[in-house]
Amino acid sequence: MILNHLNLSVKDVATTRLFFETYLGFTSADSKPNDTLAVLTGADGFILVLMNQRLNENGNNAYPDAFHIGFYLPGETEVQETYQRLQQGGIALEQAPQKIRKNFGFYFHYDTIMIEITCTIHA
């Protein structure tokens, strides 16, 4: 079985789509971008769907506190470069990259999503 896609509920589909395209390497699969739903494809073919939170029928727009999505990079250099690109783009970052268990990385929030950027530390 292969995980096909992930659907995330966000406040602002257009700016979140642009964020994923600009900083995380996704491309839009939509022929007509809109503010309700965006379908993005990652470099590995993974499909990420961004849905406007107003579509949640029961109004449940909050993720659990520790819910996050994570991106693995090849090494510490790539983690640092991603951090610098985000910082230069004006993205609010809560912490600098650091050792986290057996990894090196950082967490931050964008729109309604907690995001982890990390790599495995090779001894």
PDB file of N, CA and C in Angstrom:
ATOM      1  N   MET A   1       0.847  -1.174   0.000  1.00  0.00           N
ATOM      2  CA  MET A   1       0.000   0.000   0.000  1.00  0.00           C
ATOM      3  C   MET A   1       0.894   1.238   0.000  1.00  0.00           C
ATOM      4  N   ILE A   2       0.526   2.226  -0.768  1.00  0.00           N
ATOM      5  CA  ILE A   2       1.296   3.466  -0.877  1.00  0.00           C
ATOM      6  C   ILE A   2       0.431   4.629  -0.411  1.00  0.00           C
ATOM      7  N   LEU A   3       0.994   5.451   0.472  1.00  0.00           N
ATOM      8  CA  LEU A   3       0.295   6.667   0.876  1.00  0.00           C
ATOM      9  C   LEU A   3       0.214   7.570  -0.341  1.00  0.00           C
ATOM     10  N   ASN A   4      -0.996   7.934  -0.743  1.00  0.00           N
ATOM     11  CA  ASN A   4      -1.226   8.659  -1.985  1.00  0.00           C
ATOM     12  C   ASN A   4      -1.186  10.168  -1.827  1.00  0.00           C
ATOM     13  N   HIS A   5      -1.830  10.684  -0.783  1.00  0.00           N
ATOM     14  CA  HIS A   5      -1.887  12.138  -0.625  1.00  0.00           C
ATOM     15  C   HIS A   5      -2.201  12.505   0.821  1.00  0.00           C
ATOM     16  N   LEU A   6      -2.028  13.782   1.103  1.00  0.00           N
ATOM     17  CA  LEU A   6      -2.363  14.341   2.403  1.00  0.00           C
ATOM     18  C   LEU A   6      -3.170  15.600   2.151  1.00  0.00           C
ATOM     19  N   ASN A   7      -4.284  15.736   2.852  1.00  0.00           N
ATOM     20  CA  ASN A   7      -5.141  16.910   2.721  1.00  0.00           C
ATOM     21  C   ASN A   7      -4.992  17.754   3.988  1.00  0.00           C
ATOM     22  N   LEU A   8      -4.519  18.988   3.838  1.00  0.00           N
ATOM     23  CA  LEU A   8      -4.352  19.890   4.974  1.00  0.00           C
ATOM     24  C   LEU A   8      -5.359  21.028   4.884  1.00  0.00           C
ATOM     25  N   SER A   9      -5.965  21.346   5.998  1.00  0.00           N
ATOM     26  CA  SER A   9      -6.907  22.449   6.093  1.00  0.00           C
ATOM     27  C   SER A   9      -6.135  23.715   6.475  1.00  0.00           C
ATOM     28  N   VAL A  10      -6.252  24.773   5.660  1.00  0.00           N
ATOM     29  CA  VAL A  10      -5.502  26.010   5.891  1.00  0.00           C
ATOM     30  C   VAL A  10      -6.423  27.221   5.814  1.00  0.00           C
ATOM     31  N   LYS A  11      -5.968  28.334   6.375  1.00  0.00           N
ATOM     32  CA  LYS A  11      -6.730  29.581   6.333  1.00  0.00           C
ATOM     33  C   LYS A  11      -6.678  30.229   4.960  1.00  0.00           C
ATOM     34  N   ASP A  12      -5.490  30.235   4.342  1.00  0.00           N
ATOM     35  CA  ASP A  12      -5.285  30.944   3.077  1.00  0.00           C
ATOM     36  C   ASP A  12      -4.629  30.005   2.063  1.00  0.00           C
ATOM     37  N   VAL A  13      -5.441  29.455   1.178  1.00  0.00           N
ATOM     38  CA  VAL A  13      -4.961  28.478   0.199  1.00  0.00           C
ATOM     39  C   VAL A  13      -3.921  29.093  -0.735  1.00  0.00           C
ATOM     40  N   ALA A  14      -4.176  30.281  -1.246  1.00  0.00           N
ATOM     41  CA  ALA A  14      -3.275  30.885  -2.241  1.00  0.00           C
ATOM     42  C   ALA A  14      -1.877  31.143  -1.680  1.00  0.00           C
ATOM     43  N   THR A  15      -1.785  31.747  -0.501  1.00  0.00           N
ATOM     44  CA  THR A  15      -0.454  32.042   0.043  1.00  0.00           C
ATOM     45  C   THR A  15       0.247  30.771   0.526  1.00  0.00           C
ATOM     46  N   THR A  16      -0.517  29.810   1.027  1.00  0.00           N
ATOM     47  CA  THR A  16       0.092  28.554   1.467  1.00  0.00           C
ATOM     48  C   THR A  16       0.591  27.762   0.263  1.00  0.00           C
ATOM     49  N   ARG A  17      -0.166  27.775  -0.827  1.00  0.00           N
ATOM     50  CA  ARG A  17       0.290  27.134  -2.069  1.00  0.00           C
ATOM     51  C   ARG A  17       1.603  27.762  -2.530  1.00  0.00           C
ATOM     52  N   LEU A  18       1.669  29.078  -2.546  1.00  0.00           N
ATOM     53  CA  LEU A  18       2.887  29.780  -2.957  1.00  0.00           C
ATOM     54  C   LEU A  18       4.061  29.434  -2.034  1.00  0.00           C
ATOM     55  N   PHE A  19       3.805  29.326  -0.734  1.00  0.00           N
ATOM     56  CA  PHE A  19       4.840  28.937   0.221  1.00  0.00           C
ATOM     57  C   PHE A  19       5.415  27.564  -0.134  1.00  0.00           C
ATOM     58  N   PHE A  20       4.552  26.573  -0.342  1.00  0.00           N
ATOM     59  CA  PHE A  20       5.025  25.224  -0.665  1.00  0.00           C
ATOM     60  C   PHE A  20       5.763  25.189  -2.000  1.00  0.00           C
ATOM     61  N   GLU A  21       5.346  25.990  -2.952  1.00  0.00           N
ATOM     62  CA  GLU A  21       6.037  26.050  -4.243  1.00  0.00           C
ATOM     63  C   GLU A  21       7.399  26.729  -4.102  1.00  0.00           C
ATOM     64  N   THR A  22       7.438  27.847  -3.409  1.00  0.00           N
ATOM     65  CA  THR A  22       8.652  28.656  -3.300  1.00  0.00           C
ATOM     66  C   THR A  22       9.724  28.010  -2.434  1.00  0.00           C
ATOM     67  N   TYR A  23       9.331  27.459  -1.299  1.00  0.00           N
ATOM     68  CA  TYR A  23      10.324  27.015  -0.320  1.00  0.00           C
ATOM     69  C   TYR A  23      10.497  25.502  -0.190  1.00  0.00           C
ATOM     70  N   LEU A  24       9.494  24.735  -0.600  1.00  0.00           N
ATOM     71  CA  LEU A  24       9.570  23.291  -0.362  1.00  0.00           C
ATOM     72  C   LEU A  24       9.522  22.460  -1.642  1.00  0.00           C
ATOM     73  N   GLY A  25       9.610  23.103  -2.794  1.00  0.00           N
ATOM     74  CA  GLY A  25       9.777  22.387  -4.050  1.00  0.00           C
ATOM     75  C   GLY A  25       8.542  21.737  -4.643  1.00  0.00           C
ATOM     76  N   PHE A  26       7.370  22.114  -4.208  1.00  0.00           N
ATOM     77  CA  PHE A  26       6.147  21.560  -4.786  1.00  0.00           C
ATOM     78  C   PHE A  26       5.770  22.323  -6.051  1.00  0.00           C
ATOM     79  N   THR A  27       5.019  21.670  -6.930  1.00  0.00           N
ATOM     80  CA  THR A  27       4.489  22.334  -8.120  1.00  0.00           C
ATOM     81  C   THR A  27       2.975  22.177  -8.122  1.00  0.00           C
ATOM     82  N   SER A  28       2.304  23.176  -8.666  1.00  0.00           N
ATOM     83  CA  SER A  28       0.849  23.156  -8.708  1.00  0.00           C
ATOM     84  C   SER A  28       0.371  22.210  -9.800  1.00  0.00           C
ATOM     85  N   ALA A  29      -0.599  21.378  -9.456  1.00  0.00           N
ATOM     86  CA  ALA A  29      -1.206  20.477 -10.432  1.00  0.00           C
ATOM     87  C   ALA A  29      -2.549  21.030 -10.894  1.00  0.00           C
ATOM     88  N   ASP A  30      -2.904  22.221 -10.427  1.00  0.00           N
ATOM     89  CA  ASP A  30      -4.189  22.836 -10.776  1.00  0.00           C
ATOM     90  C   ASP A  30      -4.097  23.589 -12.089  1.00  0.00           C
ATOM     91  N   SER A  31      -5.090  23.395 -12.939  1.00  0.00           N
ATOM     92  CA  SER A  31      -5.130  24.172 -14.175  1.00  0.00           C
ATOM     93  C   SER A  31      -5.690  25.567 -13.913  1.00  0.00           C
ATOM     94  N   LYS A  32      -6.531  25.683 -12.891  1.00  0.00           N
ATOM     95  CA  LYS A  32      -7.121  26.975 -12.531  1.00  0.00           C
ATOM     96  C   LYS A  32      -6.989  27.176 -11.018  1.00  0.00           C
ATOM     97  N   PRO A  33      -5.878  27.766 -10.552  1.00  0.00           N
ATOM     98  CA  PRO A  33      -5.717  27.995  -9.105  1.00  0.00           C
ATOM     99  C   PRO A  33      -6.878  28.807  -8.538  1.00  0.00           C
ATOM    100  N   ASN A  34      -7.283  28.470  -7.314  1.00  0.00           N
ATOM    101  CA  ASN A  34      -8.386  29.180  -6.666  1.00  0.00           C
ATOM    102  C   ASN A  34      -8.123  29.255  -5.166  1.00  0.00           C
ATOM    103  N   ASP A  35      -9.036  29.879  -4.432  1.00  0.00           N
ATOM    104  CA  ASP A  35      -8.827  30.064  -2.993  1.00  0.00           C
ATOM    105  C   ASP A  35      -9.529  29.003  -2.144  1.00  0.00           C
ATOM    106  N   THR A  36     -10.044  27.954  -2.796  1.00  0.00           N
ATOM    107  CA  THR A  36     -10.761  26.911  -2.081  1.00  0.00           C
ATOM    108  C   THR A  36      -9.946  25.638  -1.928  1.00  0.00           C
ATOM    109  N   LEU A  37      -9.241  25.249  -2.990  1.00  0.00           N
ATOM    110  CA  LEU A  37      -8.518  23.987  -2.993  1.00  0.00           C
ATOM    111  C   LEU A  37      -7.315  24.090  -3.912  1.00  0.00           C
ATOM    112  N   ALA A  38      -6.192  23.542  -3.476  1.00  0.00           N
ATOM    113  CA  ALA A  38      -4.993  23.494  -4.317  1.00  0.00           C
ATOM    114  C   ALA A  38      -4.423  22.084  -4.252  1.00  0.00           C
ATOM    115  N   VAL A  39      -4.062  21.560  -5.412  1.00  0.00           N
ATOM    116  CA  VAL A  39      -3.426  20.250  -5.489  1.00  0.00           C
ATOM    117  C   VAL A  39      -1.985  20.476  -5.921  1.00  0.00           C
ATOM    118  N   LEU A  40      -1.048  20.037  -5.080  1.00  0.00           N
ATOM    119  CA  LEU A  40       0.379  20.227  -5.334  1.00  0.00           C
ATOM    120  C   LEU A  40       1.062  18.868  -5.433  1.00  0.00           C
ATOM    121  N   THR A  41       2.123  18.822  -6.215  1.00  0.00           N
ATOM    122  CA  THR A  41       2.900  17.594  -6.358  1.00  0.00           C
ATOM    123  C   THR A  41       4.323  17.853  -5.891  1.00  0.00           C
ATOM    124  N   GLY A  42       4.836  16.958  -5.035  1.00  0.00           N
ATOM    125  CA  GLY A  42       6.210  17.054  -4.557  1.00  0.00           C
ATOM    126  C   GLY A  42       7.168  16.438  -5.557  1.00  0.00           C
ATOM    127  N   ALA A  43       8.454  16.658  -5.337  1.00  0.00           N
ATOM    128  CA  ALA A  43       9.486  16.147  -6.240  1.00  0.00           C
ATOM    129  C   ALA A  43       9.431  14.626  -6.374  1.00  0.00           C
ATOM    130  N   ASP A  44       8.966  13.950  -5.325  1.00  0.00           N
ATOM    131  CA  ASP A  44       8.888  12.485  -5.352  1.00  0.00           C
ATOM    132  C   ASP A  44       7.537  11.974  -5.840  1.00  0.00           C
ATOM    133  N   GLY A  45       6.660  12.888  -6.297  1.00  0.00           N
ATOM    134  CA  GLY A  45       5.346  12.500  -6.786  1.00  0.00           C
ATOM    135  C   GLY A  45       4.258  12.520  -5.730  1.00  0.00           C
ATOM    136  N   PHE A  46       4.623  12.801  -4.471  1.00  0.00           N
ATOM    137  CA  PHE A  46       3.626  12.863  -3.405  1.00  0.00           C
ATOM    138  C   PHE A  46       2.650  14.004  -3.677  1.00  0.00           C
ATOM    139  N   ILE A  47       1.372  13.766  -3.431  1.00  0.00           N
ATOM    140  CA  ILE A  47       0.342  14.778  -3.677  1.00  0.00           C
ATOM    141  C   ILE A  47      -0.070  15.412  -2.348  1.00  0.00           C
ATOM    142  N   LEU A  48      -0.015  16.726  -2.300  1.00  0.00           N
ATOM    143  CA  LEU A  48      -0.425  17.500  -1.135  1.00  0.00           C
ATOM    144  C   LEU A  48      -1.619  18.347  -1.544  1.00  0.00           C
ATOM    145  N   VAL A  49      -2.711  18.211  -0.819  1.00  0.00           N
ATOM    146  CA  VAL A  49      -3.921  18.977  -1.098  1.00  0.00           C
ATOM    147  C   VAL A  49      -4.091  20.010   0.010  1.00  0.00           C
ATOM    148  N   LEU A  50      -4.265  21.254  -0.377  1.00  0.00           N
ATOM    149  CA  LEU A  50      -4.541  22.333   0.569  1.00  0.00           C
ATOM    150  C   LEU A  50      -6.003  22.719   0.403  1.00  0.00           C
ATOM    151  N   MET A  51      -6.760  22.654   1.479  1.00  0.00           N
ATOM    152  CA  MET A  51      -8.187  22.927   1.435  1.00  0.00           C
ATOM    153  C   MET A  51      -8.498  24.090   2.371  1.00  0.00           C
ATOM    154  N   ASN A  52      -9.300  25.017   1.916  1.00  0.00           N
ATOM    155  CA  ASN A  52      -9.681  26.135   2.771  1.00  0.00           C
ATOM    156  C   ASN A  52     -10.474  25.606   3.957  1.00  0.00           C
ATOM    157  N   GLN A  53     -10.112  26.047   5.146  1.00  0.00           N
ATOM    158  CA  GLN A  53     -10.747  25.529   6.357  1.00  0.00           C
ATOM    159  C   GLN A  53     -12.237  25.836   6.436  1.00  0.00           C
ATOM    160  N   ARG A  54     -12.724  26.753   5.635  1.00  0.00           N
ATOM    161  CA  ARG A  54     -14.165  27.026   5.664  1.00  0.00           C
ATOM    162  C   ARG A  54     -14.974  25.827   5.149  1.00  0.00           C
ATOM    163  N   LEU A  55     -14.310  24.880   4.477  1.00  0.00           N
ATOM    164  CA  LEU A  55     -14.996  23.685   3.984  1.00  0.00           C
ATOM    165  C   LEU A  55     -15.216  22.638   5.072  1.00  0.00           C
ATOM    166  N   ASN A  56     -14.630  22.827   6.235  1.00  0.00           N
ATOM    167  CA  ASN A  56     -14.866  21.903   7.354  1.00  0.00           C
ATOM    168  C   ASN A  56     -16.280  22.126   7.866  1.00  0.00           C
ATOM    169  N   GLU A  57     -17.155  21.195   7.581  1.00  0.00           N
ATOM    170  CA  GLU A  57     -18.575  21.357   7.883  1.00  0.00           C
ATOM    171  C   GLU A  57     -18.869  21.623   9.353  1.00  0.00           C
ATOM    172  N   ASN A  58     -18.111  21.007  10.240  1.00  0.00           N
ATOM    173  CA  ASN A  58     -18.374  21.172  11.672  1.00  0.00           C
ATOM    174  C   ASN A  58     -17.502  22.237  12.319  1.00  0.00           C
ATOM    175  N   GLY A  59     -16.725  22.965  11.520  1.00  0.00           N
ATOM    176  CA  GLY A  59     -15.922  24.059  12.041  1.00  0.00           C
ATOM    177  C   GLY A  59     -14.688  23.641  12.812  1.00  0.00           C
ATOM    178  N   ASN A  60     -14.304  22.373  12.737  1.00  0.00           N
ATOM    179  CA  ASN A  60     -13.113  21.906  13.448  1.00  0.00           C
ATOM    180  C   ASN A  60     -11.884  22.233  12.615  1.00  0.00           C
ATOM    181  N   ASN A  61     -11.212  23.329  12.951  1.00  0.00           N
ATOM    182  CA  ASN A  61     -10.073  23.796  12.164  1.00  0.00           C
ATOM    183  C   ASN A  61      -8.733  23.627  12.858  1.00  0.00           C
ATOM    184  N   ALA A  62      -8.725  23.073  14.059  1.00  0.00           N
ATOM    185  CA  ALA A  62      -7.476  22.979  14.815  1.00  0.00           C
ATOM    186  C   ALA A  62      -6.860  21.584  14.702  1.00  0.00           C
ATOM    187  N   TYR A  63      -5.544  21.563  14.564  1.00  0.00           N
ATOM    188  CA  TYR A  63      -4.799  20.308  14.620  1.00  0.00           C
ATOM    189  C   TYR A  63      -4.372  20.077  16.067  1.00  0.00           C
ATOM    190  N   PRO A  64      -4.142  18.820  16.460  1.00  0.00           N
ATOM    191  CA  PRO A  64      -3.591  18.575  17.803  1.00  0.00           C
ATOM    192  C   PRO A  64      -2.251  19.299  17.955  1.00  0.00           C
ATOM    193  N   ASP A  65      -1.891  19.648  19.176  1.00  0.00           N
ATOM    194  CA  ASP A  65      -0.695  20.451  19.442  1.00  0.00           C
ATOM    195  C   ASP A  65       0.571  19.931  18.776  1.00  0.00           C
ATOM    196  N   ALA A  66       0.797  18.641  18.804  1.00  0.00           N
ATOM    197  CA  ALA A  66       2.050  18.088  18.276  1.00  0.00           C
ATOM    198  C   ALA A  66       1.956  17.664  16.808  1.00  0.00           C
ATOM    199  N   PHE A  67       0.790  17.846  16.173  1.00  0.00           N
ATOM    200  CA  PHE A  67       0.643  17.451  14.773  1.00  0.00           C
ATOM    201  C   PHE A  67       1.575  18.288  13.908  1.00  0.00           C
ATOM    202  N   HIS A  68       2.306  17.612  13.022  1.00  0.00           N
ATOM    203  CA  HIS A  68       3.186  18.345  12.115  1.00  0.00           C
ATOM    204  C   HIS A  68       3.480  17.499  10.884  1.00  0.00           C
ATOM    205  N   ILE A  69       4.018  18.153   9.863  1.00  0.00           N
ATOM    206  CA  ILE A  69       4.510  17.438   8.694  1.00  0.00           C
ATOM    207  C   ILE A  69       6.018  17.632   8.656  1.00  0.00           C
ATOM    208  N   GLY A  70       6.734  16.610   8.221  1.00  0.00           N
ATOM    209  CA  GLY A  70       8.190  16.673   8.260  1.00  0.00           C
ATOM    210  C   GLY A  70       8.813  16.430   6.900  1.00  0.00           C
ATOM    211  N   PHE A  71       9.900  17.136   6.654  1.00  0.00           N
ATOM    212  CA  PHE A  71      10.654  16.995   5.414  1.00  0.00           C
ATOM    213  C   PHE A  71      12.087  16.625   5.755  1.00  0.00           C
ATOM    214  N   TYR A  72      12.565  15.525   5.180  1.00  0.00           N
ATOM    215  CA  TYR A  72      13.946  15.096   5.373  1.00  0.00           C
ATOM    216  C   TYR A  72      14.805  15.605   4.236  1.00  0.00           C
ATOM    217  N   LEU A  73      15.950  16.136   4.591  1.00  0.00           N
ATOM    218  CA  LEU A  73      16.941  16.597   3.622  1.00  0.00           C
ATOM    219  C   LEU A  73      18.188  15.731   3.754  1.00  0.00           C
ATOM    220  N   PRO A  74      19.065  15.741   2.727  1.00  0.00           N
ATOM    221  CA  PRO A  74      20.246  14.871   2.757  1.00  0.00           C
ATOM    222  C   PRO A  74      21.239  15.158   3.883  1.00  0.00           C
ATOM    223  N   GLY A  75      21.390  16.434   4.280  1.00  0.00           N
ATOM    224  CA  GLY A  75      22.400  16.736   5.283  1.00  0.00           C
ATOM    225  C   GLY A  75      22.195  18.080   5.953  1.00  0.00           C
ATOM    226  N   GLU A  76      23.101  18.376   6.891  1.00  0.00           N
ATOM    227  CA  GLU A  76      23.014  19.616   7.661  1.00  0.00           C
ATOM    228  C   GLU A  76      23.144  20.853   6.783  1.00  0.00           C
ATOM    229  N   THR A  77      23.963  20.786   5.745  1.00  0.00           N
ATOM    230  CA  THR A  77      24.124  21.935   4.844  1.00  0.00           C
ATOM    231  C   THR A  77      22.789  22.305   4.215  1.00  0.00           C
ATOM    232  N   GLU A  78      22.045  21.309   3.745  1.00  0.00           N
ATOM    233  CA  GLU A  78      20.743  21.569   3.120  1.00  0.00           C
ATOM    234  C   GLU A  78      19.730  22.102   4.127  1.00  0.00           C
ATOM    235  N   VAL A  79      19.799  21.619   5.366  1.00  0.00           N
ATOM    236  CA  VAL A  79      18.912  22.140   6.414  1.00  0.00           C
ATOM    237  C   VAL A  79      19.222  23.616   6.654  1.00  0.00           C
ATOM    238  N   GLN A  80      20.506  23.956   6.791  1.00  0.00           N
ATOM    239  CA  GLN A  80      20.915  25.353   7.004  1.00  0.00           C
ATOM    240  C   GLN A  80      20.501  26.228   5.817  1.00  0.00           C
ATOM    241  N   GLU A  81      20.680  25.731   4.594  1.00  0.00           N
ATOM    242  CA  GLU A  81      20.308  26.504   3.400  1.00  0.00           C
ATOM    243  C   GLU A  81      18.805  26.754   3.352  1.00  0.00           C
ATOM    244  N   THR A  82      18.016  25.747   3.710  1.00  0.00           N
ATOM    245  CA  THR A  82      16.561  25.915   3.738  1.00  0.00           C
ATOM    246  C   THR A  82      16.167  26.933   4.797  1.00  0.00           C
ATOM    247  N   TYR A  83      16.783  26.854   5.959  1.00  0.00           N
ATOM    248  CA  TYR A  83      16.523  27.814   7.034  1.00  0.00           C
ATOM    249  C   TYR A  83      16.822  29.237   6.558  1.00  0.00           C
ATOM    250  N   GLN A  84      17.965  29.421   5.912  1.00  0.00           N
ATOM    251  CA  GLN A  84      18.353  30.751   5.429  1.00  0.00           C
ATOM    252  C   GLN A  84      17.401  31.261   4.351  1.00  0.00           C
ATOM    253  N   ARG A  85      16.966  30.374   3.447  1.00  0.00           N
ATOM    254  CA  ARG A  85      16.019  30.768   2.392  1.00  0.00           C
ATOM    255  C   ARG A  85      14.694  31.221   3.003  1.00  0.00           C
ATOM    256  N   LEU A  86      14.208  30.476   3.983  1.00  0.00           N
ATOM    257  CA  LEU A  86      12.969  30.845   4.667  1.00  0.00           C
ATOM    258  C   LEU A  86      13.129  32.181   5.384  1.00  0.00           C
ATOM    259  N   GLN A  87      14.241  32.335   6.087  1.00  0.00           N
ATOM    260  CA  GLN A  87      14.520  33.571   6.823  1.00  0.00           C
ATOM    261  C   GLN A  87      14.585  34.760   5.867  1.00  0.00           C
ATOM    262  N   GLN A  88      15.294  34.599   4.756  1.00  0.00           N
ATOM    263  CA  GLN A  88      15.416  35.675   3.766  1.00  0.00           C
ATOM    264  C   GLN A  88      14.072  36.011   3.127  1.00  0.00           C
ATOM    265  N   GLY A  89      13.168  35.029   3.082  1.00  0.00           N
ATOM    266  CA  GLY A  89      11.837  35.252   2.523  1.00  0.00           C
ATOM    267  C   GLY A  89      10.859  35.859   3.508  1.00  0.00           C
ATOM    268  N   GLY A  90      11.325  36.134   4.723  1.00  0.00           N
ATOM    269  CA  GLY A  90      10.461  36.766   5.714  1.00  0.00           C
ATOM    270  C   GLY A  90       9.544  35.801   6.455  1.00  0.00           C
ATOM    271  N   ILE A  91       9.826  34.515   6.369  1.00  0.00           N
ATOM    272  CA  ILE A  91       9.015  33.526   7.080  1.00  0.00           C
ATOM    273  C   ILE A  91       9.410  33.549   8.558  1.00  0.00           C
ATOM    274  N   ALA A  92       8.414  33.612   9.439  1.00  0.00           N
ATOM    275  CA  ALA A  92       8.676  33.636  10.884  1.00  0.00           C
ATOM    276  C   ALA A  92       9.178  32.267  11.330  1.00  0.00           C
ATOM    277  N   LEU A  93      10.378  32.251  11.879  1.00  0.00           N
ATOM    278  CA  LEU A  93      10.995  31.010  12.348  1.00  0.00           C
ATOM    279  C   LEU A  93      11.203  31.109  13.851  1.00  0.00           C
ATOM    280  N   GLU A  94      10.737  30.110  14.576  1.00  0.00           N
ATOM    281  CA  GLU A  94      10.782  30.162  16.033  1.00  0.00           C
ATOM    282  C   GLU A  94      12.100  29.690  16.626  1.00  0.00           C
ATOM    283  N   GLN A  95      12.880  28.925  15.865  1.00  0.00           N
ATOM    284  CA  GLN A  95      14.138  28.394  16.396  1.00  0.00           C
ATOM    285  C   GLN A  95      15.130  28.181  15.268  1.00  0.00           C
ATOM    286  N   ALA A  96      16.397  28.257  15.604  1.00  0.00           N
ATOM    287  CA  ALA A  96      17.455  27.971  14.630  1.00  0.00           C
ATOM    288  C   ALA A  96      17.635  26.457  14.535  1.00  0.00           C
ATOM    289  N   PRO A  97      18.204  25.967  13.432  1.00  0.00           N
ATOM    290  CA  PRO A  97      18.477  24.533  13.334  1.00  0.00           C
ATOM    291  C   PRO A  97      19.365  24.074  14.491  1.00  0.00           C
ATOM    292  N   GLN A  98      19.076  22.881  15.000  1.00  0.00           N
ATOM    293  CA  GLN A  98      19.804  22.343  16.141  1.00  0.00           C
ATOM    294  C   GLN A  98      19.676  20.825  16.170  1.00  0.00           C
ATOM    295  N   LYS A  99      20.466  20.193  17.025  1.00  0.00           N
ATOM    296  CA  LYS A  99      20.374  18.749  17.188  1.00  0.00           C
ATOM    297  C   LYS A  99      19.065  18.430  17.902  1.00  0.00           C
ATOM    298  N   ILE A 100      18.288  17.529  17.302  1.00  0.00           N
ATOM    299  CA  ILE A 100      17.029  17.071  17.880  1.00  0.00           C
ATOM    300  C   ILE A 100      17.080  15.542  17.847  1.00  0.00           C
ATOM    301  N   ARG A 101      17.292  14.932  19.005  1.00  0.00           N
ATOM    302  CA  ARG A 101      17.508  13.487  19.105  1.00  0.00           C
ATOM    303  C   ARG A 101      18.670  13.085  18.199  1.00  0.00           C
ATOM    304  N   LYS A 102      18.459  12.221  17.214  1.00  0.00           N
ATOM    305  CA  LYS A 102      19.542  11.807  16.313  1.00  0.00           C
ATOM    306  C   LYS A 102      19.482  12.554  14.985  1.00  0.00           C
ATOM    307  N   ASN A 103      18.777  13.668  14.992  1.00  0.00           N
ATOM    308  CA  ASN A 103      18.611  14.479  13.786  1.00  0.00           C
ATOM    309  C   ASN A 103      19.120  15.894  14.015  1.00  0.00           C
ATOM    310  N   PHE A 104      19.185  16.653  12.925  1.00  0.00           N
ATOM    311  CA  PHE A 104      19.542  18.068  12.965  1.00  0.00           C
ATOM    312  C   PHE A 104      18.466  18.792  12.180  1.00  0.00           C
ATOM    313  N   GLY A 105      17.801  19.757  12.811  1.00  0.00           N
ATOM    314  CA  GLY A 105      16.732  20.437  12.098  1.00  0.00           C
ATOM    315  C   GLY A 105      16.053  21.500  12.931  1.00  0.00           C
ATOM    316  N   PHE A 106      14.861  21.867  12.482  1.00  0.00           N
ATOM    317  CA  PHE A 106      14.082  22.899  13.161  1.00  0.00           C
ATOM    318  C   PHE A 106      12.606  22.737  12.838  1.00  0.00           C
ATOM    319  N   TYR A 107      11.778  23.324  13.691  1.00  0.00           N
ATOM    320  CA  TYR A 107      10.327  23.357  13.518  1.00  0.00           C
ATOM    321  C   TYR A 107       9.899  24.815  13.379  1.00  0.00           C
ATOM    322  N   PHE A 108       8.817  25.032  12.654  1.00  0.00           N
ATOM    323  CA  PHE A 108       8.211  26.358  12.575  1.00  0.00           C
ATOM    324  C   PHE A 108       6.756  26.200  12.154  1.00  0.00           C
ATOM    325  N   HIS A 109       5.993  27.266  12.280  1.00  0.00           N
ATOM    326  CA  HIS A 109       4.582  27.254  11.883  1.00  0.00           C
ATOM    327  C   HIS A 109       4.383  28.132  10.654  1.00  0.00           C
ATOM    328  N   TYR A 110       3.540  27.640   9.749  1.00  0.00           N
ATOM    329  CA  TYR A 110       3.112  28.456   8.610  1.00  0.00           C
ATOM    330  C   TYR A 110       1.621  28.215   8.439  1.00  0.00           C
ATOM    331  N   ASP A 111       0.844  29.286   8.402  1.00  0.00           N
ATOM    332  CA  ASP A 111      -0.616  29.219   8.361  1.00  0.00           C
ATOM    333  C   ASP A 111      -1.060  28.382   9.552  1.00  0.00           C
ATOM    334  N   THR A 112      -1.714  27.250   9.327  1.00  0.00           N
ATOM    335  CA  THR A 112      -2.189  26.409  10.431  1.00  0.00           C
ATOM    336  C   THR A 112      -1.305  25.186  10.662  1.00  0.00           C
ATOM    337  N   ILE A 113      -0.156  25.120   9.994  1.00  0.00           N
ATOM    338  CA  ILE A 113       0.642  23.897   9.937  1.00  0.00           C
ATOM    339  C   ILE A 113       1.973  24.040  10.677  1.00  0.00           C
ATOM    340  N   MET A 114       2.298  23.054  11.523  1.00  0.00           N
ATOM    341  CA  MET A 114       3.644  22.976  12.080  1.00  0.00           C
ATOM    342  C   MET A 114       4.471  22.135  11.105  1.00  0.00           C
ATOM    343  N   ILE A 115       5.659  22.653  10.754  1.00  0.00           N
ATOM    344  CA  ILE A 115       6.512  22.007   9.765  1.00  0.00           C
ATOM    345  C   ILE A 115       7.873  21.713  10.383  1.00  0.00           C
ATOM    346  N   GLU A 116       8.386  20.526  10.107  1.00  0.00           N
ATOM    347  CA  GLU A 116       9.722  20.121  10.545  1.00  0.00           C
ATOM    348  C   GLU A 116      10.617  19.977   9.315  1.00  0.00           C
ATOM    349  N   ILE A 117      11.796  20.572   9.381  1.00  0.00           N
ATOM    350  CA  ILE A 117      12.826  20.417   8.352  1.00  0.00           C
ATOM    351  C   ILE A 117      14.008  19.767   9.054  1.00  0.00           C
ATOM    352  N   THR A 118      14.450  18.602   8.596  1.00  0.00           N
ATOM    353  CA  THR A 118      15.466  17.869   9.340  1.00  0.00           C
ATOM    354  C   THR A 118      16.313  16.964   8.453  1.00  0.00           C
ATOM    355  N   CYS A 119      17.381  16.466   9.034  1.00  0.00           N
ATOM    356  CA  CYS A 119      18.215  15.447   8.397  1.00  0.00           C
ATOM    357  C   CYS A 119      18.738  14.529   9.490  1.00  0.00           C
ATOM    358  N   THR A 120      19.136  13.349   9.107  1.00  0.00           N
ATOM    359  CA  THR A 120      19.745  12.417  10.044  1.00  0.00           C
ATOM    360  C   THR A 120      21.203  12.803  10.247  1.00  0.00           C
ATOM    361  N   ILE A 121      21.641  12.786  11.505  1.00  0.00           N
ATOM    362  CA  ILE A 121      23.050  13.049  11.800  1.00  0.00           C
ATOM    363  C   ILE A 121      23.807  11.739  11.615  1.00  0.00           C
ATOM    364  N   HIS A 122      24.796  11.765  10.754  1.00  0.00           N
ATOM    365  CA  HIS A 122      25.610  10.574  10.505  1.00  0.00           C
ATOM    366  C   HIS A 122      26.872  10.651  11.350  1.00  0.00           C
ATOM    367  N   ALA A 123      27.064   9.655  12.196  1.00  0.00           N
ATOM    368  CA  ALA A 123      28.219   9.649  13.112  1.00  0.00           C
ATOM    369  C   ALA A 123      29.503   9.293  12.402  1.00  0.00           C
TER     370      ALA A 123
END
